[in-house]
């Protein structure tokens, strides 16, 4: 990555980390995908039960493979015939892996979900939440973060899943009520009641959508 962009990301990340700290969440900056993976692994004790909500960024840094190959109990929902059972098992997991659709410079997390298994696990249940967030997802404020989630992340994900929604055809949110909509539940995390539960690793890269 261009060194000027890297320098900007380093400085901006410190602002976001400060914002997260003020909201009872922990923030970290990783200069590379490999460093992000190592930070994440340092937050996950061996023997932990680990699951995730489908975040592409978690895969992109190689964390899923590392968990599967390591001494962890990975609850792989893709291996479950009963998907509901896999989703329910996530609420009692030691660690939930995820990304965030967007994050404001002052540390507010914005996430949108269709089935709500991801946003509900971020809000409550798993003992620890570890998020992998590319610097491309940092927005000026929470309003900008919401716009990013609705107009960037949602349209791309509907296209990825082959869903028939207005945004999959226009590339922008139409505030639809389509049967295929994935914008069913909105979660704005502005403060964590439990210190040490939510950990956000900001990565000097463009990750996810």
N, C-alpha and C. Protein backbone atom coordinates (compact mmCIF):
# COMPACT_ATOMS: atom_id res chain seq x y z
N UNK A 1 0.84 -1.19 0.00
CA UNK A 1 0.00 0.00 0.00
C UNK A 1 0.88 1.25 0.00
N UNK A 2 0.43 2.30 -0.69
CA UNK A 2 1.16 3.57 -0.76
C UNK A 2 1.51 4.06 0.64
N UNK A 3 2.76 4.52 0.82
CA UNK A 3 3.21 4.90 2.16
C UNK A 3 2.45 6.11 2.71
N UNK A 4 1.96 6.97 1.84
CA UNK A 4 1.17 8.11 2.32
C UNK A 4 -0.19 7.66 2.85
N UNK A 5 -0.78 6.67 2.17
CA UNK A 5 -2.04 6.12 2.64
C UNK A 5 -1.82 5.39 3.97
N UNK A 6 -0.72 4.66 4.05
CA UNK A 6 -0.39 3.94 5.28
C UNK A 6 -0.23 4.90 6.45
N UNK A 7 0.47 6.01 6.21
CA UNK A 7 0.67 7.00 7.28
C UNK A 7 -0.67 7.58 7.71
N UNK A 8 -1.51 7.90 6.75
CA UNK A 8 -2.84 8.43 7.07
C UNK A 8 -3.62 7.41 7.88
N UNK A 9 -3.57 6.13 7.47
CA UNK A 9 -4.30 5.09 8.18
C UNK A 9 -3.81 4.93 9.61
N UNK A 10 -2.51 5.02 9.81
CA UNK A 10 -1.94 4.90 11.16
C UNK A 10 -2.48 6.00 12.06
N UNK A 11 -2.50 7.22 11.54
CA UNK A 11 -2.96 8.36 12.33
C UNK A 11 -4.46 8.28 12.60
N UNK A 12 -5.24 7.94 11.55
CA UNK A 12 -6.68 7.85 11.70
C UNK A 12 -7.05 6.72 12.66
N UNK A 13 -6.33 5.63 12.58
CA UNK A 13 -6.61 4.49 13.45
C UNK A 13 -6.48 4.87 14.92
N UNK A 14 -5.51 5.72 15.25
CA UNK A 14 -5.33 6.14 16.64
C UNK A 14 -6.54 6.94 17.13
N UNK A 15 -7.13 7.73 16.23
CA UNK A 15 -8.34 8.47 16.59
C UNK A 15 -9.48 7.51 16.86
N UNK A 16 -9.63 6.50 16.00
CA UNK A 16 -10.70 5.52 16.17
C UNK A 16 -10.49 4.71 17.45
N UNK A 17 -9.25 4.31 17.70
CA UNK A 17 -8.93 3.54 18.91
C UNK A 17 -9.26 4.34 20.17
N UNK A 18 -8.95 5.62 20.14
CA UNK A 18 -9.29 6.50 21.27
C UNK A 18 -10.81 6.55 21.46
N UNK A 19 -11.54 6.63 20.35
CA UNK A 19 -12.99 6.65 20.42
C UNK A 19 -13.54 5.35 20.97
N UNK A 20 -12.99 4.24 20.55
CA UNK A 20 -13.42 2.94 21.06
C UNK A 20 -13.18 2.83 22.56
N UNK A 21 -12.02 3.29 22.99
CA UNK A 21 -11.69 3.24 24.43
C UNK A 21 -12.71 4.03 25.25
N UNK A 22 -13.12 5.19 24.72
CA UNK A 22 -14.10 6.01 25.43
C UNK A 22 -15.47 5.33 25.51
N UNK A 23 -15.66 4.31 24.68
CA UNK A 23 -16.93 3.58 24.63
C UNK A 23 -16.80 2.19 25.25
N UNK A 24 -15.76 1.99 26.03
CA UNK A 24 -15.55 0.74 26.77
C UNK A 24 -15.24 -0.44 25.86
N UNK A 25 -14.65 -0.14 24.68
CA UNK A 25 -14.22 -1.18 23.76
C UNK A 25 -12.72 -1.04 23.52
N UNK A 26 -12.09 -2.12 23.10
CA UNK A 26 -10.65 -2.12 22.87
C UNK A 26 -10.33 -2.06 21.39
N UNK A 27 -9.39 -1.20 21.01
CA UNK A 27 -8.99 -1.07 19.62
C UNK A 27 -7.52 -1.36 19.42
N UNK A 28 -7.17 -1.87 18.24
CA UNK A 28 -5.80 -2.21 17.90
C UNK A 28 -5.56 -1.81 16.44
N UNK A 29 -4.33 -1.54 16.10
CA UNK A 29 -3.99 -1.23 14.70
C UNK A 29 -3.01 -2.25 14.19
N UNK A 30 -3.30 -2.83 13.03
CA UNK A 30 -2.42 -3.80 12.39
C UNK A 30 -1.95 -3.24 11.06
N UNK A 31 -0.66 -3.24 10.86
CA UNK A 31 -0.09 -2.69 9.62
C UNK A 31 -0.28 -3.62 8.43
N UNK A 32 -0.64 -4.88 8.69
CA UNK A 32 -0.82 -5.86 7.61
C UNK A 32 -1.84 -6.91 8.02
N UNK A 33 -2.26 -7.72 7.06
CA UNK A 33 -3.19 -8.80 7.34
C UNK A 33 -2.58 -9.81 8.30
N UNK A 34 -1.31 -10.12 8.11
CA UNK A 34 -0.64 -11.08 8.98
C UNK A 34 -0.58 -10.58 10.41
N UNK A 35 -0.28 -9.30 10.57
CA UNK A 35 -0.24 -8.74 11.92
C UNK A 35 -1.63 -8.76 12.55
N UNK A 36 -2.65 -8.49 11.75
CA UNK A 36 -4.02 -8.54 12.26
C UNK A 36 -4.37 -9.94 12.75
N UNK A 37 -3.96 -10.94 11.98
CA UNK A 37 -4.22 -12.33 12.39
C UNK A 37 -3.53 -12.66 13.70
N UNK A 38 -2.29 -12.21 13.86
CA UNK A 38 -1.55 -12.49 15.09
C UNK A 38 -2.17 -11.78 16.29
N UNK A 39 -2.62 -10.56 16.10
CA UNK A 39 -3.28 -9.83 17.20
C UNK A 39 -4.55 -10.58 17.60
N UNK A 40 -5.32 -11.01 16.61
CA UNK A 40 -6.57 -11.74 16.88
C UNK A 40 -6.29 -13.02 17.66
N UNK A 41 -5.29 -13.77 17.23
CA UNK A 41 -4.96 -15.02 17.91
C UNK A 41 -4.50 -14.78 19.35
N UNK A 42 -3.84 -13.65 19.58
CA UNK A 42 -3.39 -13.33 20.94
C UNK A 42 -4.58 -13.05 21.87
N UNK A 43 -5.73 -12.73 21.28
CA UNK A 43 -6.94 -12.44 22.06
C UNK A 43 -7.80 -13.68 22.28
N UNK A 44 -7.43 -14.80 21.66
CA UNK A 44 -8.23 -16.02 21.71
C UNK A 44 -7.44 -17.13 22.39
N UNK A 45 -7.71 -17.42 23.64
CA UNK A 45 -6.96 -18.48 24.35
C UNK A 45 -7.17 -19.84 23.68
N UNK A 46 -6.13 -20.66 23.65
CA UNK A 46 -6.27 -22.01 23.12
C UNK A 46 -7.32 -22.77 23.92
N UNK A 47 -8.06 -23.61 23.23
CA UNK A 47 -9.13 -24.35 23.87
C UNK A 47 -10.47 -23.64 23.85
N UNK A 48 -10.48 -22.39 23.40
CA UNK A 48 -11.72 -21.62 23.35
C UNK A 48 -12.67 -22.16 22.30
N UNK A 49 -13.96 -22.01 22.56
CA UNK A 49 -14.95 -22.28 21.53
C UNK A 49 -15.09 -21.00 20.72
N UNK A 50 -15.00 -21.13 19.41
CA UNK A 50 -14.96 -19.97 18.52
C UNK A 50 -15.97 -20.17 17.39
N UNK A 51 -16.70 -19.11 17.07
CA UNK A 51 -17.60 -19.16 15.94
C UNK A 51 -17.62 -17.80 15.26
N UNK A 52 -18.40 -17.66 14.21
CA UNK A 52 -18.39 -16.40 13.47
C UNK A 52 -19.71 -16.18 12.76
N UNK A 53 -19.85 -14.98 12.22
CA UNK A 53 -21.10 -14.62 11.56
C UNK A 53 -20.98 -14.39 10.07
N UNK A 54 -19.98 -14.97 9.44
CA UNK A 54 -19.88 -14.88 7.99
C UNK A 54 -19.07 -13.70 7.46
N UNK A 55 -18.30 -13.02 8.31
CA UNK A 55 -17.52 -11.86 7.88
C UNK A 55 -16.42 -12.22 6.89
N UNK A 56 -16.43 -11.59 5.72
CA UNK A 56 -15.41 -11.86 4.71
C UNK A 56 -14.02 -11.45 5.20
N UNK A 57 -13.94 -10.37 5.97
CA UNK A 57 -12.65 -9.87 6.44
C UNK A 57 -11.92 -10.89 7.30
N UNK A 58 -12.69 -11.66 8.07
CA UNK A 58 -12.10 -12.68 8.93
C UNK A 58 -11.40 -13.73 8.09
N UNK A 59 -12.01 -14.09 6.97
CA UNK A 59 -11.40 -15.04 6.04
C UNK A 59 -10.18 -14.42 5.36
N UNK A 60 -10.29 -13.15 4.96
CA UNK A 60 -9.26 -12.51 4.15
C UNK A 60 -7.91 -12.40 4.86
N UNK A 61 -7.91 -12.32 6.18
CA UNK A 61 -6.62 -12.24 6.89
C UNK A 61 -6.09 -13.62 7.27
N UNK A 62 -6.82 -14.67 6.92
CA UNK A 62 -6.37 -16.03 7.21
C UNK A 62 -6.71 -16.51 8.62
N UNK A 63 -7.57 -15.78 9.31
CA UNK A 63 -7.88 -16.13 10.69
C UNK A 63 -8.71 -17.41 10.80
N UNK A 64 -9.66 -17.60 9.90
CA UNK A 64 -10.51 -18.79 9.95
C UNK A 64 -9.66 -20.05 9.80
N UNK A 65 -8.74 -20.05 8.83
CA UNK A 65 -7.87 -21.22 8.63
C UNK A 65 -7.01 -21.46 9.86
N UNK A 66 -6.50 -20.39 10.46
CA UNK A 66 -5.65 -20.53 11.65
C UNK A 66 -6.42 -21.14 12.81
N UNK A 67 -7.68 -20.73 12.97
CA UNK A 67 -8.52 -21.28 14.03
C UNK A 67 -8.81 -22.75 13.78
N UNK A 68 -9.15 -23.08 12.53
CA UNK A 68 -9.46 -24.47 12.19
C UNK A 68 -8.25 -25.38 12.39
N UNK A 69 -7.07 -24.85 12.12
CA UNK A 69 -5.85 -25.66 12.22
C UNK A 69 -5.27 -25.66 13.64
N UNK A 70 -5.74 -24.75 14.49
CA UNK A 70 -5.19 -24.62 15.83
C UNK A 70 -5.95 -25.41 16.87
N UNK A 71 -5.58 -25.19 18.12
CA UNK A 71 -6.18 -25.90 19.25
C UNK A 71 -7.40 -25.12 19.76
N UNK A 72 -8.44 -25.12 18.93
CA UNK A 72 -9.66 -24.41 19.27
C UNK A 72 -10.87 -25.28 18.92
N UNK A 73 -11.98 -25.01 19.54
CA UNK A 73 -13.22 -25.68 19.19
C UNK A 73 -14.00 -24.75 18.27
N UNK A 74 -13.83 -24.93 16.96
CA UNK A 74 -14.47 -24.05 15.99
C UNK A 74 -15.87 -24.55 15.68
N UNK A 75 -16.85 -23.72 15.98
CA UNK A 75 -18.24 -24.04 15.67
C UNK A 75 -18.51 -23.57 14.25
N UNK A 76 -18.37 -24.47 13.31
CA UNK A 76 -18.49 -24.13 11.88
C UNK A 76 -19.94 -24.32 11.44
N UNK A 77 -20.65 -23.22 11.29
CA UNK A 77 -22.08 -23.33 10.95
C UNK A 77 -22.29 -23.98 9.59
N UNK A 78 -21.29 -23.89 8.70
CA UNK A 78 -21.43 -24.52 7.39
C UNK A 78 -21.42 -26.05 7.50
N UNK A 79 -20.89 -26.56 8.62
CA UNK A 79 -20.83 -28.01 8.82
C UNK A 79 -22.07 -28.55 9.52
N UNK A 80 -22.93 -27.63 9.98
CA UNK A 80 -24.16 -28.02 10.67
C UNK A 80 -25.28 -28.26 9.67
N UNK A 81 -25.94 -29.39 9.79
CA UNK A 81 -27.13 -29.62 8.97
C UNK A 81 -28.26 -28.73 9.46
N UNK A 82 -28.32 -28.57 10.78
CA UNK A 82 -29.32 -27.71 11.40
C UNK A 82 -28.70 -26.33 11.63
N UNK A 83 -28.95 -25.40 10.71
CA UNK A 83 -28.33 -24.07 10.78
C UNK A 83 -28.78 -23.30 12.03
N UNK A 84 -30.02 -23.51 12.44
CA UNK A 84 -30.51 -22.83 13.64
C UNK A 84 -29.71 -23.28 14.86
N UNK A 85 -29.39 -24.55 14.93
CA UNK A 85 -28.60 -25.06 16.06
C UNK A 85 -27.22 -24.41 16.09
N UNK A 86 -26.64 -24.21 14.91
CA UNK A 86 -25.32 -23.57 14.83
C UNK A 86 -25.40 -22.12 15.30
N UNK A 87 -26.46 -21.44 14.90
CA UNK A 87 -26.62 -20.04 15.29
C UNK A 87 -26.84 -19.91 16.79
N UNK A 88 -27.63 -20.84 17.37
CA UNK A 88 -27.88 -20.80 18.80
C UNK A 88 -26.61 -21.13 19.59
N UNK A 89 -25.79 -22.03 19.05
CA UNK A 89 -24.54 -22.40 19.72
C UNK A 89 -23.60 -21.20 19.82
N UNK A 90 -23.74 -20.27 18.87
CA UNK A 90 -22.86 -19.10 18.87
C UNK A 90 -23.04 -18.25 20.12
N UNK A 91 -24.25 -18.22 20.68
CA UNK A 91 -24.51 -17.36 21.83
C UNK A 91 -23.78 -17.81 23.09
N UNK A 92 -23.38 -19.07 23.12
CA UNK A 92 -22.66 -19.57 24.29
C UNK A 92 -21.17 -19.76 24.01
N UNK A 93 -20.71 -19.26 22.86
CA UNK A 93 -19.30 -19.42 22.50
C UNK A 93 -18.41 -18.49 23.33
N UNK A 94 -17.17 -18.89 23.47
CA UNK A 94 -16.20 -18.03 24.15
C UNK A 94 -15.87 -16.80 23.31
N UNK A 95 -15.75 -17.03 21.99
CA UNK A 95 -15.32 -15.93 21.10
C UNK A 95 -16.16 -15.93 19.82
N UNK A 96 -16.65 -14.75 19.47
CA UNK A 96 -17.39 -14.56 18.23
C UNK A 96 -16.55 -13.69 17.31
N UNK A 97 -16.27 -14.17 16.10
CA UNK A 97 -15.50 -13.43 15.11
C UNK A 97 -16.44 -12.73 14.14
N UNK A 98 -16.10 -11.50 13.82
CA UNK A 98 -16.96 -10.74 12.91
C UNK A 98 -16.16 -9.60 12.30
N UNK A 99 -16.79 -8.90 11.39
CA UNK A 99 -16.29 -7.61 10.95
C UNK A 99 -17.36 -6.60 11.34
N UNK A 100 -17.28 -5.43 10.77
CA UNK A 100 -18.32 -4.42 10.97
C UNK A 100 -18.60 -3.80 9.62
N UNK A 101 -19.86 -3.53 9.33
CA UNK A 101 -20.18 -2.91 8.05
C UNK A 101 -19.57 -1.52 7.93
N UNK A 102 -19.44 -0.85 9.08
CA UNK A 102 -18.83 0.48 9.09
C UNK A 102 -18.52 0.87 10.53
N UNK A 103 -17.62 1.84 10.68
CA UNK A 103 -17.26 2.36 12.00
C UNK A 103 -16.98 3.84 11.87
N UNK A 104 -17.45 4.62 12.82
CA UNK A 104 -17.21 6.06 12.78
C UNK A 104 -15.84 6.37 13.38
N UNK A 105 -15.33 7.55 13.08
CA UNK A 105 -14.02 7.94 13.59
C UNK A 105 -14.00 8.00 15.12
N UNK A 106 -15.16 8.22 15.73
CA UNK A 106 -15.20 8.27 17.19
C UNK A 106 -15.65 6.94 17.81
N UNK A 107 -15.57 5.86 17.02
CA UNK A 107 -15.70 4.52 17.58
C UNK A 107 -17.08 3.91 17.66
N UNK A 108 -18.05 4.41 16.89
CA UNK A 108 -19.38 3.80 16.87
C UNK A 108 -19.43 2.75 15.77
N UNK A 109 -19.88 1.54 16.11
CA UNK A 109 -19.97 0.44 15.16
C UNK A 109 -21.38 0.39 14.57
N UNK A 110 -21.47 0.20 13.26
CA UNK A 110 -22.77 0.10 12.59
C UNK A 110 -22.82 -1.21 11.81
N UNK A 111 -23.86 -2.01 12.09
CA UNK A 111 -24.02 -3.28 11.41
C UNK A 111 -25.47 -3.52 11.03
N UNK A 112 -25.67 -4.12 9.85
CA UNK A 112 -26.99 -4.44 9.33
C UNK A 112 -27.04 -5.94 9.06
N UNK A 113 -28.19 -6.56 9.34
CA UNK A 113 -28.28 -8.01 9.21
C UNK A 113 -29.65 -8.41 8.68
N UNK A 114 -29.68 -9.58 8.04
CA UNK A 114 -30.93 -10.12 7.55
C UNK A 114 -31.57 -11.05 8.56
N UNK A 115 -30.85 -12.12 8.94
CA UNK A 115 -31.37 -13.07 9.92
C UNK A 115 -31.14 -12.62 11.36
N UNK A 116 -30.28 -11.64 11.53
CA UNK A 116 -29.97 -11.06 12.84
C UNK A 116 -29.10 -11.93 13.72
N UNK A 117 -28.64 -13.08 13.23
CA UNK A 117 -27.75 -13.91 14.07
C UNK A 117 -26.44 -13.20 14.35
N UNK A 118 -25.94 -12.43 13.38
CA UNK A 118 -24.66 -11.74 13.58
C UNK A 118 -24.82 -10.55 14.53
N UNK A 119 -25.79 -9.69 14.26
CA UNK A 119 -25.92 -8.50 15.10
C UNK A 119 -26.36 -8.86 16.52
N UNK A 120 -27.14 -9.91 16.66
CA UNK A 120 -27.56 -10.30 18.00
C UNK A 120 -26.40 -10.86 18.81
N UNK A 121 -25.48 -11.57 18.14
CA UNK A 121 -24.31 -12.11 18.83
C UNK A 121 -23.32 -11.00 19.19
N UNK A 122 -23.24 -9.98 18.36
CA UNK A 122 -22.39 -8.83 18.69
C UNK A 122 -22.95 -8.13 19.92
N UNK A 123 -24.27 -8.02 19.99
CA UNK A 123 -24.91 -7.30 21.08
C UNK A 123 -24.85 -8.06 22.39
N UNK A 124 -25.03 -9.38 22.34
CA UNK A 124 -25.11 -10.15 23.58
C UNK A 124 -24.88 -11.63 23.31
N UNK A 125 -24.32 -12.32 24.29
CA UNK A 125 -24.17 -13.77 24.18
C UNK A 125 -22.73 -14.20 24.32
N UNK A 126 -21.97 -14.26 23.21
CA UNK A 126 -20.58 -14.70 23.29
C UNK A 126 -19.79 -13.87 24.31
N UNK A 127 -18.86 -14.52 24.99
CA UNK A 127 -18.11 -13.85 26.04
C UNK A 127 -17.17 -12.77 25.50
N UNK A 128 -16.71 -12.97 24.28
CA UNK A 128 -15.80 -12.00 23.67
C UNK A 128 -16.13 -11.87 22.19
N UNK A 129 -16.05 -10.65 21.67
CA UNK A 129 -16.26 -10.39 20.24
C UNK A 129 -14.98 -9.80 19.67
N UNK A 130 -14.43 -10.44 18.65
CA UNK A 130 -13.22 -9.95 17.98
C UNK A 130 -13.59 -9.56 16.56
N UNK A 131 -13.43 -8.28 16.25
CA UNK A 131 -13.79 -7.76 14.94
C UNK A 131 -12.55 -7.42 14.11
N UNK A 132 -12.60 -7.80 12.85
CA UNK A 132 -11.54 -7.47 11.89
C UNK A 132 -12.12 -6.42 10.95
N UNK A 133 -11.56 -5.22 10.99
CA UNK A 133 -12.16 -4.10 10.23
C UNK A 133 -11.10 -3.40 9.39
N UNK A 134 -11.26 -3.45 8.07
CA UNK A 134 -10.35 -2.73 7.18
C UNK A 134 -10.54 -1.23 7.33
N UNK A 135 -9.49 -0.46 7.09
CA UNK A 135 -9.57 0.99 7.22
C UNK A 135 -10.50 1.61 6.19
N UNK A 136 -10.86 0.84 5.15
CA UNK A 136 -11.83 1.33 4.16
C UNK A 136 -13.23 1.50 4.75
N UNK A 137 -13.46 0.96 5.94
CA UNK A 137 -14.78 1.03 6.55
C UNK A 137 -14.92 2.17 7.56
N UNK A 138 -13.86 2.95 7.74
CA UNK A 138 -13.92 4.07 8.68
C UNK A 138 -14.61 5.26 8.02
N UNK A 139 -15.62 5.81 8.70
CA UNK A 139 -16.39 6.94 8.18
C UNK A 139 -16.29 8.13 9.13
N UNK A 140 -16.65 9.30 8.62
CA UNK A 140 -16.52 10.53 9.42
C UNK A 140 -17.31 10.47 10.72
N UNK A 141 -18.55 10.01 10.65
CA UNK A 141 -19.42 9.98 11.82
C UNK A 141 -20.39 8.81 11.69
N UNK A 142 -21.27 8.65 12.70
CA UNK A 142 -22.15 7.48 12.67
C UNK A 142 -23.17 7.58 11.54
N UNK A 143 -23.56 8.79 11.15
CA UNK A 143 -24.48 8.95 10.03
C UNK A 143 -23.81 8.47 8.74
N UNK A 144 -22.54 8.84 8.58
CA UNK A 144 -21.79 8.37 7.42
C UNK A 144 -21.61 6.86 7.45
N UNK A 145 -21.42 6.32 8.65
CA UNK A 145 -21.27 4.87 8.80
C UNK A 145 -22.56 4.16 8.41
N UNK A 146 -23.69 4.72 8.80
CA UNK A 146 -24.98 4.13 8.44
C UNK A 146 -25.17 4.17 6.91
N UNK A 147 -24.80 5.29 6.30
CA UNK A 147 -24.94 5.41 4.84
C UNK A 147 -24.03 4.40 4.14
N UNK A 148 -22.84 4.20 4.68
CA UNK A 148 -21.94 3.22 4.08
C UNK A 148 -22.52 1.81 4.17
N UNK A 149 -23.03 1.49 5.36
CA UNK A 149 -23.61 0.16 5.56
C UNK A 149 -24.76 -0.10 4.59
N UNK A 150 -25.60 0.91 4.39
CA UNK A 150 -26.78 0.74 3.54
C UNK A 150 -26.47 0.84 2.05
N UNK A 151 -25.51 1.68 1.67
CA UNK A 151 -25.29 1.97 0.25
C UNK A 151 -24.05 1.31 -0.35
N UNK A 152 -23.20 0.74 0.50
CA UNK A 152 -22.02 0.03 0.00
C UNK A 152 -22.10 -1.45 0.39
N UNK A 153 -22.13 -1.71 1.69
CA UNK A 153 -22.10 -3.10 2.15
C UNK A 153 -23.34 -3.89 1.72
N UNK A 154 -24.52 -3.32 1.95
CA UNK A 154 -25.75 -4.06 1.65
C UNK A 154 -25.91 -4.41 0.17
N UNK A 155 -25.74 -3.44 -0.76
CA UNK A 155 -25.88 -3.81 -2.17
C UNK A 155 -24.89 -4.88 -2.62
N UNK A 156 -23.65 -4.78 -2.16
CA UNK A 156 -22.65 -5.78 -2.57
C UNK A 156 -23.01 -7.15 -2.01
N UNK A 157 -23.48 -7.19 -0.77
CA UNK A 157 -23.83 -8.48 -0.18
C UNK A 157 -25.07 -9.10 -0.84
N UNK A 158 -26.03 -8.28 -1.23
CA UNK A 158 -27.19 -8.86 -1.93
C UNK A 158 -26.76 -9.44 -3.28
N UNK A 159 -25.82 -8.78 -3.94
CA UNK A 159 -25.30 -9.30 -5.20
C UNK A 159 -24.52 -10.59 -4.96
N UNK A 160 -23.75 -10.61 -3.87
CA UNK A 160 -22.95 -11.79 -3.54
C UNK A 160 -23.83 -13.00 -3.27
N UNK A 161 -24.96 -12.77 -2.62
CA UNK A 161 -25.86 -13.87 -2.28
C UNK A 161 -26.89 -14.15 -3.38
N UNK A 162 -26.86 -13.37 -4.46
CA UNK A 162 -27.79 -13.58 -5.55
C UNK A 162 -29.22 -13.26 -5.20
N UNK A 163 -29.41 -12.23 -4.38
CA UNK A 163 -30.76 -11.86 -3.93
C UNK A 163 -31.39 -10.83 -4.88
N UNK A 164 -32.70 -10.89 -4.96
CA UNK A 164 -33.44 -9.98 -5.85
C UNK A 164 -33.98 -8.80 -5.04
N UNK A 165 -33.17 -7.78 -4.87
CA UNK A 165 -33.58 -6.57 -4.17
C UNK A 165 -33.31 -5.37 -5.08
N UNK A 166 -33.98 -4.26 -4.85
CA UNK A 166 -33.70 -3.07 -5.66
C UNK A 166 -32.22 -2.66 -5.62
N UNK A 167 -31.60 -2.77 -4.44
CA UNK A 167 -30.20 -2.33 -4.35
C UNK A 167 -29.25 -3.23 -5.13
N UNK A 168 -29.64 -4.51 -5.32
CA UNK A 168 -28.79 -5.41 -6.10
C UNK A 168 -28.78 -5.02 -7.57
N UNK A 169 -29.82 -4.26 -7.97
CA UNK A 169 -29.92 -3.82 -9.37
C UNK A 169 -29.45 -2.39 -9.58
N UNK A 170 -29.58 -1.55 -8.54
CA UNK A 170 -29.20 -0.14 -8.69
C UNK A 170 -27.86 0.19 -8.04
N UNK A 171 -27.43 -0.66 -7.07
CA UNK A 171 -26.18 -0.39 -6.37
C UNK A 171 -26.32 0.58 -5.22
N UNK A 172 -27.56 0.98 -4.92
CA UNK A 172 -27.80 1.92 -3.82
C UNK A 172 -29.06 1.52 -3.07
N UNK A 173 -29.11 1.88 -1.80
CA UNK A 173 -30.26 1.54 -0.97
C UNK A 173 -31.51 2.26 -1.47
N UNK A 174 -32.61 1.50 -1.58
CA UNK A 174 -33.90 2.06 -1.99
C UNK A 174 -34.90 1.99 -0.84
N UNK A 175 -34.40 1.71 0.36
CA UNK A 175 -35.24 1.59 1.55
C UNK A 175 -36.39 0.63 1.30
N UNK A 176 -36.06 -0.53 0.72
CA UNK A 176 -37.09 -1.46 0.26
C UNK A 176 -37.65 -2.33 1.39
N UNK A 177 -38.76 -2.99 1.06
CA UNK A 177 -39.35 -4.01 1.93
C UNK A 177 -39.46 -5.31 1.14
N UNK A 178 -38.46 -5.54 0.31
CA UNK A 178 -38.43 -6.74 -0.51
C UNK A 178 -38.34 -7.99 0.38
N UNK A 179 -38.95 -9.09 -0.03
CA UNK A 179 -38.82 -10.34 0.73
C UNK A 179 -37.36 -10.78 0.87
N UNK A 180 -36.51 -10.35 -0.06
CA UNK A 180 -35.10 -10.71 -0.03
C UNK A 180 -34.22 -9.72 0.73
N UNK A 181 -34.81 -8.66 1.27
CA UNK A 181 -33.97 -7.64 1.90
C UNK A 181 -33.09 -8.22 3.01
N UNK A 182 -31.87 -7.74 3.10
CA UNK A 182 -30.99 -8.14 4.19
C UNK A 182 -30.87 -7.00 5.22
N UNK A 183 -31.59 -5.93 4.98
CA UNK A 183 -31.59 -4.79 5.91
C UNK A 183 -32.78 -4.92 6.87
N UNK A 184 -32.78 -5.99 7.64
CA UNK A 184 -33.90 -6.26 8.55
C UNK A 184 -33.62 -5.73 9.95
N UNK A 185 -32.39 -5.86 10.40
CA UNK A 185 -32.02 -5.45 11.76
C UNK A 185 -30.80 -4.54 11.69
N UNK A 186 -30.89 -3.40 12.36
CA UNK A 186 -29.79 -2.45 12.41
C UNK A 186 -29.24 -2.41 13.84
N UNK A 187 -27.94 -2.54 13.98
CA UNK A 187 -27.31 -2.47 15.30
C UNK A 187 -26.29 -1.34 15.32
N UNK A 188 -26.51 -0.37 16.21
CA UNK A 188 -25.56 0.71 16.43
C UNK A 188 -24.94 0.49 17.81
N UNK A 189 -23.67 0.16 17.83
CA UNK A 189 -22.98 -0.09 19.10
C UNK A 189 -22.21 1.16 19.47
N UNK A 190 -22.78 1.95 20.38
CA UNK A 190 -22.15 3.21 20.79
C UNK A 190 -21.44 3.08 22.13
N UNK A 191 -21.68 1.98 22.85
CA UNK A 191 -21.01 1.75 24.13
C UNK A 191 -21.15 0.28 24.49
N UNK A 192 -20.11 -0.28 25.10
CA UNK A 192 -20.18 -1.66 25.57
C UNK A 192 -20.33 -1.66 27.09
N UNK A 193 -21.39 -2.26 27.58
CA UNK A 193 -21.63 -2.31 29.01
C UNK A 193 -20.51 -3.11 29.71
N UNK A 194 -19.94 -4.07 28.98
CA UNK A 194 -18.96 -4.97 29.58
C UNK A 194 -17.55 -4.70 29.02
N UNK A 195 -16.70 -4.16 29.86
CA UNK A 195 -15.32 -3.86 29.46
C UNK A 195 -14.60 -5.16 29.10
N UNK A 196 -13.78 -5.09 28.06
CA UNK A 196 -13.01 -6.26 27.67
C UNK A 196 -13.76 -7.26 26.82
N UNK A 197 -14.99 -6.94 26.43
CA UNK A 197 -15.77 -7.88 25.61
C UNK A 197 -15.57 -7.65 24.12
N UNK A 198 -15.66 -6.41 23.66
CA UNK A 198 -15.55 -6.12 22.22
C UNK A 198 -14.16 -5.59 21.88
N UNK A 199 -13.50 -6.28 20.94
CA UNK A 199 -12.16 -5.92 20.51
C UNK A 199 -12.19 -5.66 19.00
N UNK A 200 -11.72 -4.51 18.58
CA UNK A 200 -11.75 -4.14 17.17
C UNK A 200 -10.33 -3.98 16.65
N UNK A 201 -9.98 -4.81 15.66
CA UNK A 201 -8.65 -4.75 15.05
C UNK A 201 -8.77 -4.02 13.72
N UNK A 202 -8.20 -2.82 13.66
CA UNK A 202 -8.22 -2.01 12.43
C UNK A 202 -7.02 -2.41 11.58
N UNK A 203 -7.28 -2.71 10.32
CA UNK A 203 -6.24 -3.25 9.45
C UNK A 203 -5.91 -2.28 8.32
N UNK A 204 -4.64 -2.07 8.10
CA UNK A 204 -4.16 -1.18 7.05
C UNK A 204 -4.34 -1.86 5.68
N UNK A 205 -5.61 -2.03 5.30
CA UNK A 205 -5.93 -2.70 4.03
C UNK A 205 -7.41 -2.48 3.74
N UNK A 206 -7.81 -2.72 2.52
CA UNK A 206 -9.22 -2.71 2.15
C UNK A 206 -9.74 -4.13 2.31
N UNK A 207 -10.60 -4.33 3.29
CA UNK A 207 -11.12 -5.66 3.57
C UNK A 207 -12.64 -5.67 3.50
N UNK A 208 -13.20 -6.77 3.05
CA UNK A 208 -14.65 -6.92 3.04
C UNK A 208 -15.34 -5.88 2.18
N UNK A 209 -16.60 -5.63 2.50
CA UNK A 209 -17.41 -4.73 1.69
C UNK A 209 -17.93 -3.57 2.51
